[in-house]
Amino acid sequence: MNNGNTEVKEDSLIGELRNLVRDAVDYLASAVSLLQARVTAMALSSVLFLGLILAAGLLCVAAFIVLNVALGMWLTHVTGGAGWSLLILGVLYGFLGVLSGFFAVRWLKNLKS
């Protein structure tokens, strides 16, 4: 009979521990949600948001420059001359410019009609 009584106490203790862990997890989830809301509110403030957009734009420009340098170095290695590399890159970007202009004009024609 004594053994049965200790099992009931252990079951209630385990149940209380489960409830405690569940409450702790719920509290942690709500605290993280509140922190996320505050960070989002701060990030969407106008000054910080514009700064982040500016930084992202500068990083994109830097990435584009690094990509072109790497591509130019690779083309110089493959073709054996920097002139050929510049010619290939110039033709490639010229073609992309003409292609994007063609699609822009076609889009404008569709927009007018």
PDB file of N, CA and C in Angstrom:
ATOM      1  N   MET A   1       0.806  -1.175   0.000  1.00  0.00           N
ATOM      2  CA  MET A   1       0.000   0.000   0.000  1.00  0.00           C
ATOM      3  C   MET A   1       0.865   1.260   0.000  1.00  0.00           C
ATOM      4  N   ASN A   2       1.959   1.210   0.656  1.00  0.00           N
ATOM      5  CA  ASN A   2       2.880   2.327   0.699  1.00  0.00           C
ATOM      6  C   ASN A   2       3.479   2.572  -0.691  1.00  0.00           C
ATOM      7  N   ASN A   3       3.734   1.474  -1.407  1.00  0.00           N
ATOM      8  CA  ASN A   3       4.302   1.566  -2.742  1.00  0.00           C
ATOM      9  C   ASN A   3       3.328   2.261  -3.690  1.00  0.00           C
ATOM     10  N   GLY A   4       2.065   2.000  -3.606  1.00  0.00           N
ATOM     11  CA  GLY A   4       1.048   2.627  -4.445  1.00  0.00           C
ATOM     12  C   GLY A   4       0.942   4.108  -4.183  1.00  0.00           C
ATOM     13  N   ASN A   5       1.120   4.493  -2.920  1.00  0.00           N
ATOM     14  CA  ASN A   5       1.032   5.901  -2.557  1.00  0.00           C
ATOM     15  C   ASN A   5       2.202   6.692  -3.146  1.00  0.00           C
ATOM     16  N   THR A   6       3.397   6.110  -3.179  1.00  0.00           N
ATOM     17  CA  THR A   6       4.555   6.804  -3.751  1.00  0.00           C
ATOM     18  C   THR A   6       4.428   6.918  -5.263  1.00  0.00           C
ATOM     19  N   GLU A   7       3.784   5.925  -5.916  1.00  0.00           N
ATOM     20  CA  GLU A   7       3.578   6.011  -7.360  1.00  0.00           C
ATOM     21  C   GLU A   7       2.645   7.159  -7.701  1.00  0.00           C
ATOM     22  N   VAL A   8       1.631   7.380  -6.896  1.00  0.00           N
ATOM     23  CA  VAL A   8       0.711   8.481  -7.132  1.00  0.00           C
ATOM     24  C   VAL A   8       1.437   9.810  -6.970  1.00  0.00           C
ATOM     25  N   LYS A   9       2.303   9.909  -5.941  1.00  0.00           N
ATOM     26  CA  LYS A   9       3.061  11.130  -5.732  1.00  0.00           C
ATOM     27  C   LYS A   9       4.029  11.373  -6.893  1.00  0.00           C
ATOM     28  N   GLU A  10       4.681  10.300  -7.399  1.00  0.00           N
ATOM     29  CA  GLU A  10       5.609  10.442  -8.523  1.00  0.00           C
ATOM     30  C   GLU A  10       4.867  10.852  -9.788  1.00  0.00           C
ATOM     31  N   ASP A  11       3.671  10.275 -10.010  1.00  0.00           N
ATOM     32  CA  ASP A  11       2.884  10.645 -11.189  1.00  0.00           C
ATOM     33  C   ASP A  11       2.457  12.109 -11.128  1.00  0.00           C
ATOM     34  N   SER A  12       2.045  12.546  -9.936  1.00  0.00           N
ATOM     35  CA  SER A  12       1.643  13.946  -9.826  1.00  0.00           C
ATOM     36  C   SER A  12       2.856  14.870  -9.961  1.00  0.00           C
ATOM     37  N   LEU A  13       4.010  14.444  -9.469  1.00  0.00           N
ATOM     38  CA  LEU A  13       5.225  15.239  -9.617  1.00  0.00           C
ATOM     39  C   LEU A  13       5.648  15.319 -11.083  1.00  0.00           C
ATOM     40  N   ILE A  14       5.558  14.192 -11.783  1.00  0.00           N
ATOM     41  CA  ILE A  14       5.902  14.181 -13.215  1.00  0.00           C
ATOM     42  C   ILE A  14       4.921  15.055 -13.991  1.00  0.00           C
ATOM     43  N   GLY A  15       3.645  14.988 -13.641  1.00  0.00           N
ATOM     44  CA  GLY A  15       2.644  15.837 -14.287  1.00  0.00           C
ATOM     45  C   GLY A  15       2.912  17.317 -14.054  1.00  0.00           C
ATOM     46  N   GLU A  16       3.291  17.649 -12.810  1.00  0.00           N
ATOM     47  CA  GLU A  16       3.605  19.042 -12.507  1.00  0.00           C
ATOM     48  C   GLU A  16       4.855  19.502 -13.255  1.00  0.00           C
ATOM     49  N   LEU A  17       5.848  18.619 -13.366  1.00  0.00           N
ATOM     50  CA  LEU A  17       7.051  18.971 -14.113  1.00  0.00           C
ATOM     51  C   LEU A  17       6.744  19.174 -15.604  1.00  0.00           C
ATOM     52  N   ARG A  18       5.868  18.334 -16.132  1.00  0.00           N
ATOM     53  CA  ARG A  18       5.464  18.502 -17.535  1.00  0.00           C
ATOM     54  C   ARG A  18       4.756  19.835 -17.724  1.00  0.00           C
ATOM     55  N   ASN A  19       3.862  20.160 -16.804  1.00  0.00           N
ATOM     56  CA  ASN A  19       3.161  21.441 -16.895  1.00  0.00           C
ATOM     57  C   ASN A  19       4.135  22.606 -16.777  1.00  0.00           C
ATOM     58  N   LEU A  20       5.116  22.468 -15.892  1.00  0.00           N
ATOM     59  CA  LEU A  20       6.117  23.514 -15.719  1.00  0.00           C
ATOM     60  C   LEU A  20       6.928  23.701 -16.998  1.00  0.00           C
ATOM     61  N   VAL A  21       7.355  22.601 -17.607  1.00  0.00           N
ATOM     62  CA  VAL A  21       8.126  22.681 -18.855  1.00  0.00           C
ATOM     63  C   VAL A  21       7.269  23.273 -19.958  1.00  0.00           C
ATOM     64  N   ARG A  22       6.007  22.872 -20.052  1.00  0.00           N
ATOM     65  CA  ARG A  22       5.094  23.389 -21.069  1.00  0.00           C
ATOM     66  C   ARG A  22       4.894  24.898 -20.886  1.00  0.00           C
ATOM     67  N   ASP A  23       4.704  25.330 -19.642  1.00  0.00           N
ATOM     68  CA  ASP A  23       4.542  26.764 -19.366  1.00  0.00           C
ATOM     69  C   ASP A  23       5.819  27.532 -19.695  1.00  0.00           C
ATOM     70  N   ALA A  24       6.974  26.935 -19.387  1.00  0.00           N
ATOM     71  CA  ALA A  24       8.244  27.592 -19.695  1.00  0.00           C
ATOM     72  C   ALA A  24       8.423  27.747 -21.199  1.00  0.00           C
ATOM     73  N   VAL A  25       8.068  26.716 -21.950  1.00  0.00           N
ATOM     74  CA  VAL A  25       8.179  26.786 -23.411  1.00  0.00           C
ATOM     75  C   VAL A  25       7.215  27.827 -23.963  1.00  0.00           C
ATOM     76  N   ASP A  26       5.992  27.888 -23.446  1.00  0.00           N
ATOM     77  CA  ASP A  26       5.026  28.894 -23.888  1.00  0.00           C
ATOM     78  C   ASP A  26       5.524  30.304 -23.582  1.00  0.00           C
ATOM     79  N   TYR A  27       6.087  30.473 -22.383  1.00  0.00           N
ATOM     80  CA  TYR A  27       6.619  31.784 -22.004  1.00  0.00           C
ATOM     81  C   TYR A  27       7.785  32.175 -22.910  1.00  0.00           C
ATOM     82  N   LEU A  28       8.663  31.217 -23.209  1.00  0.00           N
ATOM     83  CA  LEU A  28       9.797  31.492 -24.084  1.00  0.00           C
ATOM     84  C   LEU A  28       9.317  31.852 -25.490  1.00  0.00           C
ATOM     85  N   ALA A  29       8.298  31.139 -25.971  1.00  0.00           N
ATOM     86  CA  ALA A  29       7.765  31.437 -27.301  1.00  0.00           C
ATOM     87  C   ALA A  29       7.160  32.832 -27.343  1.00  0.00           C
ATOM     88  N   SER A  30       6.436  33.210 -26.298  1.00  0.00           N
ATOM     89  CA  SER A  30       5.848  34.551 -26.293  1.00  0.00           C
ATOM     90  C   SER A  30       6.929  35.619 -26.148  1.00  0.00           C
ATOM     91  N   ALA A  31       7.982  35.343 -25.386  1.00  0.00           N
ATOM     92  CA  ALA A  31       9.077  36.300 -25.250  1.00  0.00           C
ATOM     93  C   ALA A  31       9.806  36.480 -26.576  1.00  0.00           C
ATOM     94  N   VAL A  32      10.030  35.408 -27.308  1.00  0.00           N
ATOM     95  CA  VAL A  32      10.687  35.494 -28.617  1.00  0.00           C
ATOM     96  C   VAL A  32       9.791  36.241 -29.600  1.00  0.00           C
ATOM     97  N   SER A  33       8.494  35.996 -29.539  1.00  0.00           N
ATOM     98  CA  SER A  33       7.556  36.698 -30.418  1.00  0.00           C
ATOM     99  C   SER A  33       7.562  38.199 -30.126  1.00  0.00           C
ATOM    100  N   LEU A  34       7.595  38.566 -28.863  1.00  0.00           N
ATOM    101  CA  LEU A  34       7.653  39.974 -28.484  1.00  0.00           C
ATOM    102  C   LEU A  34       8.964  40.613 -28.947  1.00  0.00           C
ATOM    103  N   LEU A  35      10.063  39.894 -28.787  1.00  0.00           N
ATOM    104  CA  LEU A  35      11.358  40.397 -29.237  1.00  0.00           C
ATOM    105  C   LEU A  35      11.364  40.590 -30.747  1.00  0.00           C
ATOM    106  N   GLN A  36      10.781  39.639 -31.466  1.00  0.00           N
ATOM    107  CA  GLN A  36      10.710  39.739 -32.920  1.00  0.00           C
ATOM    108  C   GLN A  36       9.865  40.951 -33.324  1.00  0.00           C
ATOM    109  N   ALA A  37       8.776  41.192 -32.628  1.00  0.00           N
ATOM    110  CA  ALA A  37       7.931  42.348 -32.945  1.00  0.00           C
ATOM    111  C   ALA A  37       8.680  43.650 -32.692  1.00  0.00           C
ATOM    112  N   ARG A  38       9.436  43.706 -31.608  1.00  0.00           N
ATOM    113  CA  ARG A  38      10.188  44.933 -31.321  1.00  0.00           C
ATOM    114  C   ARG A  38      11.303  45.158 -32.336  1.00  0.00           C
ATOM    115  N   VAL A  39      11.987  44.088 -32.727  1.00  0.00           N
ATOM    116  CA  VAL A  39      13.050  44.219 -33.735  1.00  0.00           C
ATOM    117  C   VAL A  39      12.450  44.646 -35.069  1.00  0.00           C
ATOM    118  N   THR A  40      11.301  44.089 -35.418  1.00  0.00           N
ATOM    119  CA  THR A  40      10.646  44.469 -36.670  1.00  0.00           C
ATOM    120  C   THR A  40      10.215  45.924 -36.641  1.00  0.00           C
ATOM    121  N   ALA A  41       9.672  46.359 -35.518  1.00  0.00           N
ATOM    122  CA  ALA A  41       9.271  47.764 -35.405  1.00  0.00           C
ATOM    123  C   ALA A  41      10.476  48.684 -35.526  1.00  0.00           C
ATOM    124  N   MET A  42      11.595  48.288 -34.940  1.00  0.00           N
ATOM    125  CA  MET A  42      12.794  49.107 -35.029  1.00  0.00           C
ATOM    126  C   MET A  42      13.343  49.101 -36.459  1.00  0.00           C
ATOM    127  N   ALA A  43      13.310  47.933 -37.107  1.00  0.00           N
ATOM    128  CA  ALA A  43      13.855  47.830 -38.458  1.00  0.00           C
ATOM    129  C   ALA A  43      13.019  48.610 -39.463  1.00  0.00           C
ATOM    130  N   LEU A  44      11.741  48.740 -39.186  1.00  0.00           N
ATOM    131  CA  LEU A  44      10.886  49.461 -40.117  1.00  0.00           C
ATOM    132  C   LEU A  44      10.821  50.954 -39.831  1.00  0.00           C
ATOM    133  N   SER A  45      11.560  51.407 -38.848  1.00  0.00           N
ATOM    134  CA  SER A  45      11.618  52.847 -38.642  1.00  0.00           C
ATOM    135  C   SER A  45      12.316  53.463 -39.851  1.00  0.00           C
ATOM    136  N   SER A  46      11.936  54.644 -40.204  1.00  0.00           N
ATOM    137  CA  SER A  46      12.335  55.203 -41.494  1.00  0.00           C
ATOM    138  C   SER A  46      13.843  55.369 -41.649  1.00  0.00           C
ATOM    139  N   VAL A  47      14.513  55.863 -40.654  1.00  0.00           N
ATOM    140  CA  VAL A  47      15.950  56.127 -40.794  1.00  0.00           C
ATOM    141  C   VAL A  47      16.729  54.827 -40.910  1.00  0.00           C
ATOM    142  N   LEU A  48      16.442  53.901 -40.027  1.00  0.00           N
ATOM    143  CA  LEU A  48      17.155  52.627 -40.058  1.00  0.00           C
ATOM    144  C   LEU A  48      16.824  51.853 -41.326  1.00  0.00           C
ATOM    145  N   PHE A  49      15.569  51.903 -41.742  1.00  0.00           N
ATOM    146  CA  PHE A  49      15.155  51.193 -42.947  1.00  0.00           C
ATOM    147  C   PHE A  49      15.884  51.739 -44.172  1.00  0.00           C
ATOM    148  N   LEU A  50      15.976  53.053 -44.274  1.00  0.00           N
ATOM    149  CA  LEU A  50      16.697  53.639 -45.407  1.00  0.00           C
ATOM    150  C   LEU A  50      18.178  53.290 -45.359  1.00  0.00           C
ATOM    151  N   GLY A  51      18.738  53.260 -44.154  1.00  0.00           N
ATOM    152  CA  GLY A  51      20.137  52.860 -44.026  1.00  0.00           C
ATOM    153  C   GLY A  51      20.358  51.422 -44.464  1.00  0.00           C
ATOM    154  N   LEU A  52      19.438  50.542 -44.098  1.00  0.00           N
ATOM    155  CA  LEU A  52      19.566  49.143 -44.508  1.00  0.00           C
ATOM    156  C   LEU A  52      19.411  48.986 -46.014  1.00  0.00           C
ATOM    157  N   ILE A  53      18.497  49.724 -46.605  1.00  0.00           N
ATOM    158  CA  ILE A  53      18.334  49.681 -48.064  1.00  0.00           C
ATOM    159  C   ILE A  53      19.593  50.193 -48.754  1.00  0.00           C
ATOM    160  N   LEU A  54      20.157  51.270 -48.234  1.00  0.00           N
ATOM    161  CA  LEU A  54      21.392  51.821 -48.803  1.00  0.00           C
ATOM    162  C   LEU A  54      22.548  50.824 -48.677  1.00  0.00           C
ATOM    163  N   ALA A  55      22.666  50.194 -47.529  1.00  0.00           N
ATOM    164  CA  ALA A  55      23.728  49.200 -47.332  1.00  0.00           C
ATOM    165  C   ALA A  55      23.538  48.003 -48.263  1.00  0.00           C
ATOM    166  N   ALA A  56      22.289  47.564 -48.431  1.00  0.00           N
ATOM    167  CA  ALA A  56      22.030  46.444 -49.339  1.00  0.00           C
ATOM    168  C   ALA A  56      22.380  46.817 -50.775  1.00  0.00           C
ATOM    169  N   GLY A  57      22.054  48.039 -51.165  1.00  0.00           N
ATOM    170  CA  GLY A  57      22.401  48.494 -52.517  1.00  0.00           C
ATOM    171  C   GLY A  57      23.905  48.554 -52.724  1.00  0.00           C
ATOM    172  N   LEU A  58      24.629  49.075 -51.735  1.00  0.00           N
ATOM    173  CA  LEU A  58      26.087  49.134 -51.849  1.00  0.00           C
ATOM    174  C   LEU A  58      26.704  47.739 -51.896  1.00  0.00           C
ATOM    175  N   LEU A  59      26.148  46.818 -51.122  1.00  0.00           N
ATOM    176  CA  LEU A  59      26.647  45.441 -51.174  1.00  0.00           C
ATOM    177  C   LEU A  59      26.372  44.794 -52.523  1.00  0.00           C
ATOM    178  N   CYS A  60      25.243  45.112 -53.128  1.00  0.00           N
ATOM    179  CA  CYS A  60      24.949  44.575 -54.464  1.00  0.00           C
ATOM    180  C   CYS A  60      25.930  45.122 -55.493  1.00  0.00           C
ATOM    181  N   VAL A  61      26.222  46.415 -55.409  1.00  0.00           N
ATOM    182  CA  VAL A  61      27.189  47.008 -56.334  1.00  0.00           C
ATOM    183  C   VAL A  61      28.566  46.370 -56.135  1.00  0.00           C
ATOM    184  N   ALA A  62      28.965  46.195 -54.879  1.00  0.00           N
ATOM    185  CA  ALA A  62      30.267  45.575 -54.601  1.00  0.00           C
ATOM    186  C   ALA A  62      30.304  44.136 -55.120  1.00  0.00           C
ATOM    187  N   ALA A  63      29.213  43.411 -54.939  1.00  0.00           N
ATOM    188  CA  ALA A  63      29.164  42.032 -55.433  1.00  0.00           C
ATOM    189  C   ALA A  63      29.250  41.996 -56.960  1.00  0.00           C
ATOM    190  N   PHE A  64      28.596  42.939 -57.619  1.00  0.00           N
ATOM    191  CA  PHE A  64      28.655  43.005 -59.078  1.00  0.00           C
ATOM    192  C   PHE A  64      30.069  43.312 -59.560  1.00  0.00           C
ATOM    193  N   ILE A  65      30.744  44.210 -58.862  1.00  0.00           N
ATOM    194  CA  ILE A  65      32.129  44.546 -59.230  1.00  0.00           C
ATOM    195  C   ILE A  65      33.043  43.337 -59.033  1.00  0.00           C
ATOM    196  N   VAL A  66      32.899  42.666 -57.909  1.00  0.00           N
ATOM    197  CA  VAL A  66      33.728  41.477 -57.651  1.00  0.00           C
ATOM    198  C   VAL A  66      33.442  40.388 -58.679  1.00  0.00           C
ATOM    199  N   LEU A  67      32.171  40.226 -59.050  1.00  0.00           N
ATOM    200  CA  LEU A  67      31.819  39.244 -60.075  1.00  0.00           C
ATOM    201  C   LEU A  67      32.492  39.585 -61.400  1.00  0.00           C
ATOM    202  N   ASN A  68      32.458  40.860 -61.781  1.00  0.00           N
ATOM    203  CA  ASN A  68      33.085  41.258 -63.048  1.00  0.00           C
ATOM    204  C   ASN A  68      34.588  41.098 -63.014  1.00  0.00           C
ATOM    205  N   VAL A  69      35.208  41.401 -61.889  1.00  0.00           N
ATOM    206  CA  VAL A  69      36.660  41.219 -61.781  1.00  0.00           C
ATOM    207  C   VAL A  69      37.018  39.742 -61.899  1.00  0.00           C
ATOM    208  N   ALA A  70      36.268  38.903 -61.196  1.00  0.00           N
ATOM    209  CA  ALA A  70      36.549  37.463 -61.257  1.00  0.00           C
ATOM    210  C   ALA A  70      36.312  36.915 -62.655  1.00  0.00           C
ATOM    211  N   LEU A  71      35.236  37.345 -63.279  1.00  0.00           N
ATOM    212  CA  LEU A  71      34.946  36.884 -64.638  1.00  0.00           C
ATOM    213  C   LEU A  71      36.004  37.383 -65.614  1.00  0.00           C
ATOM    214  N   GLY A  72      36.425  38.628 -65.451  1.00  0.00           N
ATOM    215  CA  GLY A  72      37.481  39.173 -66.310  1.00  0.00           C
ATOM    216  C   GLY A  72      38.800  38.443 -66.125  1.00  0.00           C
ATOM    217  N   MET A  73      39.150  38.125 -64.880  1.00  0.00           N
ATOM    218  CA  MET A  73      40.396  37.381 -64.639  1.00  0.00           C
ATOM    219  C   MET A  73      40.319  35.990 -65.249  1.00  0.00           C
ATOM    220  N   TRP A  74      39.168  35.353 -65.128  1.00  0.00           N
ATOM    221  CA  TRP A  74      39.011  34.018 -65.693  1.00  0.00           C
ATOM    222  C   TRP A  74      39.094  34.077 -67.217  1.00  0.00           C
ATOM    223  N   LEU A  75      38.413  35.060 -67.812  1.00  0.00           N
ATOM    224  CA  LEU A  75      38.465  35.186 -69.271  1.00  0.00           C
ATOM    225  C   LEU A  75      39.867  35.538 -69.756  1.00  0.00           C
ATOM    226  N   THR A  76      40.587  36.347 -69.004  1.00  0.00           N
ATOM    227  CA  THR A  76      41.970  36.660 -69.357  1.00  0.00           C
ATOM    228  C   THR A  76      42.827  35.398 -69.322  1.00  0.00           C
ATOM    229  N   HIS A  77      42.594  34.572 -68.323  1.00  0.00           N
ATOM    230  CA  HIS A  77      43.342  33.305 -68.224  1.00  0.00           C
ATOM    231  C   HIS A  77      42.983  32.378 -69.378  1.00  0.00           C
ATOM    232  N   VAL A  78      41.706  32.291 -69.714  1.00  0.00           N
ATOM    233  CA  VAL A  78      41.256  31.369 -70.768  1.00  0.00           C
ATOM    234  C   VAL A  78      41.693  31.856 -72.148  1.00  0.00           C
ATOM    235  N   THR A  79      41.500  33.153 -72.428  1.00  0.00           N
ATOM    236  CA  THR A  79      41.812  33.663 -73.767  1.00  0.00           C
ATOM    237  C   THR A  79      43.277  34.037 -73.932  1.00  0.00           C
ATOM    238  N   GLY A  80      43.984  34.291 -72.858  1.00  0.00           N
ATOM    239  CA  GLY A  80      45.398  34.628 -72.943  1.00  0.00           C
ATOM    240  C   GLY A  80      45.671  36.112 -73.099  1.00  0.00           C
ATOM    241  N   GLY A  81      44.636  36.929 -73.090  1.00  0.00           N
ATOM    242  CA  GLY A  81      44.859  38.368 -73.227  1.00  0.00           C
ATOM    243  C   GLY A  81      43.737  39.164 -72.581  1.00  0.00           C
ATOM    244  N   ALA A  82      44.108  40.305 -71.995  1.00  0.00           N
ATOM    245  CA  ALA A  82      43.112  41.144 -71.333  1.00  0.00           C
ATOM    246  C   ALA A  82      42.192  41.821 -72.346  1.00  0.00           C
ATOM    247  N   GLY A  83      42.710  42.105 -73.541  1.00  0.00           N
ATOM    248  CA  GLY A  83      41.891  42.736 -74.582  1.00  0.00           C
ATOM    249  C   GLY A  83      40.721  41.860 -74.983  1.00  0.00           C
ATOM    250  N   TRP A  84      41.005  40.582 -75.186  1.00  0.00           N
ATOM    251  CA  TRP A  84      39.927  39.653 -75.536  1.00  0.00           C
ATOM    252  C   TRP A  84      38.909  39.551 -74.408  1.00  0.00           C
ATOM    253  N   SER A  85      39.391  39.566 -73.208  1.00  0.00           N
ATOM    254  CA  SER A  85      38.491  39.497 -72.059  1.00  0.00           C
ATOM    255  C   SER A  85      37.570  40.710 -72.021  1.00  0.00           C
ATOM    256  N   LEU A  86      38.140  41.905 -72.209  1.00  0.00           N
ATOM    257  CA  LEU A  86      37.326  43.118 -72.220  1.00  0.00           C
ATOM    258  C   LEU A  86      36.345  43.126 -73.388  1.00  0.00           C
ATOM    259  N   LEU A  87      36.791  42.633 -74.545  1.00  0.00           N
ATOM    260  CA  LEU A  87      35.908  42.565 -75.706  1.00  0.00           C
ATOM    261  C   LEU A  87      34.730  41.630 -75.450  1.00  0.00           C
ATOM    262  N   ILE A  88      35.006  40.476 -74.890  1.00  0.00           N
ATOM    263  CA  ILE A  88      33.938  39.509 -74.606  1.00  0.00           C
ATOM    264  C   ILE A  88      32.956  40.078 -73.588  1.00  0.00           C
ATOM    265  N   LEU A  89      33.468  40.684 -72.514  1.00  0.00           N
ATOM    266  CA  LEU A  89      32.578  41.271 -71.507  1.00  0.00           C
ATOM    267  C   LEU A  89      31.778  42.440 -72.092  1.00  0.00           C
ATOM    268  N   GLY A  90      32.417  43.258 -72.934  1.00  0.00           N
ATOM    269  CA  GLY A  90      31.711  44.378 -73.562  1.00  0.00           C
ATOM    270  C   GLY A  90      30.589  43.914 -74.464  1.00  0.00           C
ATOM    271  N   VAL A  91      30.870  42.888 -75.267  1.00  0.00           N
ATOM    272  CA  VAL A  91      29.827  42.345 -76.150  1.00  0.00           C
ATOM    273  C   VAL A  91      28.701  41.727 -75.328  1.00  0.00           C
ATOM    274  N   LEU A  92      29.061  41.020 -74.266  1.00  0.00           N
ATOM    275  CA  LEU A  92      28.043  40.401 -73.412  1.00  0.00           C
ATOM    276  C   LEU A  92      27.128  41.452 -72.788  1.00  0.00           C
ATOM    277  N   TYR A  93      27.720  42.517 -72.214  1.00  0.00           N
ATOM    278  CA  TYR A  93      26.898  43.552 -71.591  1.00  0.00           C
ATOM    279  C   TYR A  93      26.155  44.388 -72.630  1.00  0.00           C
ATOM    280  N   GLY A  94      26.733  44.560 -73.804  1.00  0.00           N
ATOM    281  CA  GLY A  94      26.016  45.231 -74.887  1.00  0.00           C
ATOM    282  C   GLY A  94      24.792  44.445 -75.315  1.00  0.00           C
ATOM    283  N   PHE A  95      24.964  43.135 -75.464  1.00  0.00           N
ATOM    284  CA  PHE A  95      23.849  42.272 -75.824  1.00  0.00           C
ATOM    285  C   PHE A  95      22.758  42.308 -74.751  1.00  0.00           C
ATOM    286  N   LEU A  96      23.170  42.260 -73.474  1.00  0.00           N
ATOM    287  CA  LEU A  96      22.180  42.341 -72.400  1.00  0.00           C
ATOM    288  C   LEU A  96      21.442  43.679 -72.402  1.00  0.00           C
ATOM    289  N   GLY A  97      22.153  44.766 -72.731  1.00  0.00           N
ATOM    290  CA  GLY A  97      21.517  46.077 -72.819  1.00  0.00           C
ATOM    291  C   GLY A  97      20.502  46.149 -73.945  1.00  0.00           C
ATOM    292  N   VAL A  98      20.865  45.640 -75.121  1.00  0.00           N
ATOM    293  CA  VAL A  98      19.945  45.633 -76.255  1.00  0.00           C
ATOM    294  C   VAL A  98      18.738  44.756 -75.950  1.00  0.00           C
ATOM    295  N   LEU A  99      18.987  43.609 -75.348  1.00  0.00           N
ATOM    296  CA  LEU A  99      17.899  42.690 -75.015  1.00  0.00           C
ATOM    297  C   LEU A  99      16.945  43.309 -73.998  1.00  0.00           C
ATOM    298  N   SER A 100      17.474  43.939 -72.976  1.00  0.00           N
ATOM    299  CA  SER A 100      16.605  44.560 -71.976  1.00  0.00           C
ATOM    300  C   SER A 100      15.862  45.751 -72.570  1.00  0.00           C
ATOM    301  N   GLY A 101      16.492  46.503 -73.469  1.00  0.00           N
ATOM    302  CA  GLY A 101      15.802  47.595 -74.155  1.00  0.00           C
ATOM    303  C   GLY A 101      14.669  47.085 -75.025  1.00  0.00           C
ATOM    304  N   PHE A 102      14.900  45.981 -75.725  1.00  0.00           N
ATOM    305  CA  PHE A 102      13.857  45.381 -76.554  1.00  0.00           C
ATOM    306  C   PHE A 102      12.657  44.987 -75.710  1.00  0.00           C
ATOM    307  N   PHE A 103      12.901  44.326 -74.568  1.00  0.00           N
ATOM    308  CA  PHE A 103      11.791  43.915 -73.717  1.00  0.00           C
ATOM    309  C   PHE A 103      11.095  45.113 -73.078  1.00  0.00           C
ATOM    310  N   ALA A 104      11.842  46.169 -72.779  1.00  0.00           N
ATOM    311  CA  ALA A 104      11.234  47.368 -72.201  1.00  0.00           C
ATOM    312  C   ALA A 104      10.319  48.051 -73.212  1.00  0.00           C
ATOM    313  N   VAL A 105      10.764  48.159 -74.464  1.00  0.00           N
ATOM    314  CA  VAL A 105       9.937  48.772 -75.500  1.00  0.00           C
ATOM    315  C   VAL A 105       8.700  47.927 -75.765  1.00  0.00           C
ATOM    316  N   ARG A 106       8.854  46.612 -75.790  1.00  0.00           N
ATOM    317  CA  ARG A 106       7.702  45.732 -75.989  1.00  0.00           C
ATOM    318  C   ARG A 106       6.713  45.853 -74.838  1.00  0.00           C
ATOM    319  N   TRP A 107       7.228  45.979 -73.620  1.00  0.00           N
ATOM    320  CA  TRP A 107       6.366  46.139 -72.444  1.00  0.00           C
ATOM    321  C   TRP A 107       5.612  47.467 -72.522  1.00  0.00           C
ATOM    322  N   LEU A 108       6.295  48.537 -72.974  1.00  0.00           N
ATOM    323  CA  LEU A 108       5.633  49.827 -73.107  1.00  0.00           C
ATOM    324  C   LEU A 108       4.547  49.809 -74.179  1.00  0.00           C
ATOM    325  N   LYS A 109       4.802  49.095 -75.269  1.00  0.00           N
ATOM    326  CA  LYS A 109       3.782  48.975 -76.322  1.00  0.00           C
ATOM    327  C   LYS A 109       2.556  48.245 -75.774  1.00  0.00           C
ATOM    328  N   ASN A 110       2.782  47.188 -74.993  1.00  0.00           N
ATOM    329  CA  ASN A 110       1.655  46.467 -74.407  1.00  0.00           C
ATOM    330  C   ASN A 110       0.929  47.312 -73.384  1.00  0.00           C
ATOM    331  N   LEU A 111       1.663  48.187 -72.713  1.00  0.00           N
ATOM    332  CA  LEU A 111       1.079  49.046 -71.696  1.00  0.00           C
ATOM    333  C   LEU A 111       0.175  50.104 -72.333  1.00  0.00           C
ATOM    334  N   LYS A 112       0.586  50.629 -73.500  1.00  0.00           N
ATOM    335  CA  LYS A 112      -0.207  51.656 -74.184  1.00  0.00           C
ATOM    336  C   LYS A 112      -1.490  51.087 -74.744  1.00  0.00           C
ATOM    337  N   SER A 113      -1.468  49.855 -75.202  1.00  0.00           N
ATOM    338  CA  SER A 113      -2.670  49.285 -75.828  1.00  0.00           C
ATOM    339  C   SER A 113      -3.631  48.694 -74.843  1.00  0.00           C
TER     340      SER A 113
END
